[in-house]
Amino acid sequence: MSEKFQDRYRVKSARLPGYDYSQSGAYFVTICTEDHCPWFGDIVEGRMTLSEIGEIVREEIIQTPIIRPNVVLDEWVIMPNHVHVILQILNVSSVETPRRGVSTWKPGTLGSIINQLKSVCTRRIREMHPDSDFAWQSRFHDHIVRNEESLRLIREYIRKNPTRWQFDEENPENRQ
């Protein structure tokens, strides 16, 4: 039987049940634009060339560990319509204070970090381009990195992602 919330069907959470996403660890995250629109720029000869909107996303990704001293920014890449990032959360006793507004997620969790990143980027993009219909997919994909070999492979995947764009399932040219 499908669950409903406020008379609407709910999509089951993709988060690992019972896992504390504020605990120390490395997390591989993919965040996509709505309808996979290529807002962030283009791949030219295997290298990402950022648009103005892509530059905003880059700036905000770089700000993430500055705003949150318990977060380490590992490998990351911005692609035309999605972002891959490895974030490491360090378990600290202090509670995160949202930089801009109130978080709807439990403070200090992976969800609150990604929610705030998406929110700040969206606000800045819409300020710069008020007529744009820029939006993110409502959800994001995460993978808990469980060992050094997995971390090494994910880093390699992120580094090589622009050179593999022509085969990427997120590339609109490859979507049926």
Protein backbone atom coordinates (compact mmCIF):
# COMPACT_ATOMS: atom_id res chain seq x y z
CA MET A 1 0.00 0.00 0.00
CA SER A 2 1.36 3.44 -0.90
CA GLU A 3 1.93 5.95 1.85
CA LYS A 4 0.40 9.39 1.58
CA PHE A 5 1.36 12.63 3.27
CA GLN A 6 -0.93 15.64 3.05
CA ASP A 7 -3.04 13.65 0.55
CA ARG A 8 -0.04 13.17 -1.79
CA TYR A 9 1.95 10.03 -2.48
CA ARG A 10 5.35 10.02 -0.83
CA VAL A 11 8.51 8.69 -2.35
CA LYS A 12 10.34 6.41 0.04
CA SER A 13 13.57 7.89 1.36
CA ALA A 14 16.77 6.85 -0.38
CA ARG A 15 18.72 7.30 2.87
CA LEU A 16 20.01 4.22 4.67
CA PRO A 17 17.40 3.45 7.38
CA GLY A 18 18.69 4.05 10.90
CA TYR A 19 22.00 5.56 9.73
CA ASP A 20 23.13 8.79 11.42
CA TYR A 21 24.14 11.07 8.55
CA SER A 22 25.80 13.49 10.97
CA GLN A 23 28.40 10.96 12.07
CA SER A 24 32.01 11.12 10.93
CA GLY A 25 32.56 9.68 7.51
CA ALA A 26 32.97 10.30 3.81
CA TYR A 27 29.92 10.68 1.58
CA PHE A 28 29.80 10.62 -2.22
CA VAL A 29 26.95 12.86 -3.38
CA THR A 30 25.42 13.52 -6.78
CA ILE A 31 23.07 16.47 -7.20
CA CYS A 32 21.24 16.95 -10.52
CA THR A 33 19.41 19.84 -12.09
CA GLU A 34 15.70 19.50 -12.69
CA ASP A 35 15.01 17.66 -15.95
CA HIS A 36 18.80 17.33 -16.37
CA CYS A 37 19.04 20.78 -17.95
CA PRO A 38 22.67 21.73 -18.69
CA TRP A 39 22.76 24.96 -16.66
CA PHE A 40 26.36 24.69 -15.48
CA GLY A 41 28.26 24.86 -18.78
CA ASP A 42 29.67 22.54 -21.43
CA ILE A 43 32.26 19.84 -21.82
CA VAL A 44 34.81 20.99 -24.38
CA GLU A 45 37.55 18.53 -25.37
CA GLY A 46 37.05 16.54 -22.17
CA ARG A 47 37.15 19.58 -19.87
CA MET A 48 34.29 21.37 -18.15
CA THR A 49 33.80 25.00 -19.12
CA LEU A 50 31.60 26.68 -16.51
CA SER A 51 28.80 29.09 -17.32
CA GLU A 52 27.98 32.01 -14.99
CA ILE A 53 25.58 29.70 -13.19
CA GLY A 54 28.26 27.01 -12.96
CA GLU A 55 30.61 29.58 -11.40
CA ILE A 56 28.04 30.30 -8.69
CA VAL A 57 27.82 26.59 -7.89
CA ARG A 58 31.64 26.36 -7.81
CA GLU A 59 31.88 29.31 -5.40
CA GLU A 60 29.30 27.80 -3.06
CA ILE A 61 30.92 24.37 -3.09
CA ILE A 62 34.23 25.99 -2.12
CA GLN A 63 32.45 27.89 0.70
CA THR A 64 31.05 24.69 2.22
CA PRO A 65 34.06 23.77 4.43
CA ILE A 66 34.71 27.44 5.26
CA ILE A 67 31.18 27.84 6.64
CA ARG A 68 31.20 24.44 8.32
CA PRO A 69 34.54 23.64 9.98
CA ASN A 70 33.37 20.05 10.57
CA VAL A 71 33.17 19.43 6.80
CA VAL A 72 36.13 18.59 4.57
CA LEU A 73 35.71 19.04 0.84
CA ASP A 74 37.38 16.14 -0.94
CA GLU A 75 37.25 15.48 -4.69
CA TRP A 76 34.46 17.17 -6.67
CA VAL A 77 33.43 18.12 -10.18
CA ILE A 78 30.71 20.21 -11.76
CA MET A 79 29.25 18.71 -14.91
CA PRO A 80 26.78 20.38 -17.33
CA ASN A 81 23.70 19.20 -15.40
CA HIS A 82 24.96 17.64 -12.17
CA VAL A 83 27.57 17.85 -9.46
CA HIS A 84 29.63 15.07 -7.90
CA VAL A 85 31.25 15.75 -4.55
CA ILE A 86 32.87 13.79 -1.76
CA LEU A 87 32.24 15.45 1.59
CA GLN A 88 33.80 14.26 4.80
CA ILE A 89 31.90 15.07 7.97
CA LEU A 90 34.01 15.23 11.11
CA ASN A 91 32.14 14.39 14.30
CA VAL A 92 32.27 17.48 16.50
CA SER A 93 30.20 18.47 19.49
CA SER A 94 29.13 21.86 18.14
CA VAL A 95 25.86 22.13 16.24
CA GLU A 96 25.78 23.69 12.79
CA THR A 97 24.19 27.10 12.52
CA PRO A 98 22.70 27.62 9.08
CA ARG A 99 24.49 30.41 7.20
CA ARG A 100 21.39 31.63 5.45
CA GLY A 101 18.03 30.86 6.94
CA VAL A 102 16.69 27.95 8.90
CA SER A 103 17.39 24.41 7.80
CA THR A 104 14.50 21.98 7.52
CA TRP A 105 16.95 19.11 8.12
CA LYS A 106 18.54 18.01 11.37
CA PRO A 107 21.55 20.33 11.76
CA GLY A 108 24.95 18.91 10.89
CA THR A 109 23.64 16.10 8.71
CA LEU A 110 24.54 15.43 5.11
CA GLY A 111 20.98 16.36 4.17
CA SER A 112 21.19 19.79 5.81
CA ILE A 113 24.52 20.52 4.13
CA ILE A 114 23.22 19.60 0.67
CA ASN A 115 19.87 21.35 1.24
CA GLN A 116 21.61 24.58 2.21
CA LEU A 117 24.07 24.36 -0.70
CA LYS A 118 21.20 23.93 -3.17
CA SER A 119 19.18 26.71 -1.53
CA VAL A 120 22.00 29.27 -1.56
CA CYS A 121 22.93 28.44 -5.16
CA THR A 122 19.30 28.73 -6.28
CA ARG A 123 18.84 32.11 -4.59
CA ARG A 124 22.06 33.52 -6.09
CA ILE A 125 21.24 32.15 -9.55
CA ARG A 126 17.74 33.62 -9.50
CA GLU A 127 19.09 36.98 -8.32
CA MET A 128 21.52 37.02 -11.25
CA HIS A 129 18.99 35.60 -13.75
CA PRO A 130 15.50 36.55 -12.49
CA ASP A 131 13.77 35.22 -15.61
CA SER A 132 15.41 31.81 -15.42
CA ASP A 133 13.52 28.72 -14.39
CA PHE A 134 16.60 27.15 -12.81
CA ALA A 135 15.86 24.35 -10.37
CA TRP A 136 17.49 21.31 -8.83
CA GLN A 137 16.00 17.85 -8.68
CA SER A 138 14.24 17.70 -5.34
CA ARG A 139 16.40 14.82 -4.11
CA PHE A 140 20.04 13.86 -4.32
CA HIS A 141 21.92 10.58 -4.47
CA ASP A 142 24.39 9.67 -1.75
CA HIS A 143 26.73 6.80 -1.10
CA ILE A 144 28.42 6.21 2.25
CA VAL A 145 32.10 5.63 1.52
CA ARG A 146 33.05 2.63 3.63
CA ASN A 147 36.75 2.06 2.96
CA GLU A 148 39.91 3.50 1.39
CA GLU A 149 39.63 1.43 -1.81
CA SER A 150 36.08 2.68 -2.41
CA LEU A 151 37.24 6.26 -1.75
CA ARG A 152 40.11 5.84 -4.24
CA LEU A 153 37.76 4.50 -6.94
CA ILE A 154 35.19 7.27 -6.41
CA ARG A 155 37.90 9.94 -6.59
CA GLU A 156 39.12 8.44 -9.86
CA TYR A 157 35.56 8.35 -11.21
CA ILE A 158 35.06 12.04 -10.34
CA ARG A 159 38.39 13.10 -11.91
CA LYS A 160 37.64 11.24 -15.15
CA ASN A 161 33.96 12.20 -15.35
CA PRO A 162 34.39 15.11 -17.83
CA THR A 163 36.37 12.91 -20.24
CA ARG A 164 33.55 10.34 -20.19
CA TRP A 165 30.69 12.81 -20.70
CA GLN A 166 29.85 11.47 -24.15
CA PHE A 167 28.92 8.14 -22.50
CA ASP A 168 27.40 9.53 -19.28
CA GLU A 169 23.79 8.54 -18.54
CA GLU A 170 23.23 12.11 -17.24
CA ASN A 171 24.14 13.51 -20.68
CA PRO A 172 20.83 14.57 -22.29
CA GLU A 173 22.09 13.27 -25.64
CA ASN A 174 22.18 9.75 -24.14
CA ARG A 175 18.72 9.87 -22.52
CA GLN A 176 15.90 8.16 -24.35
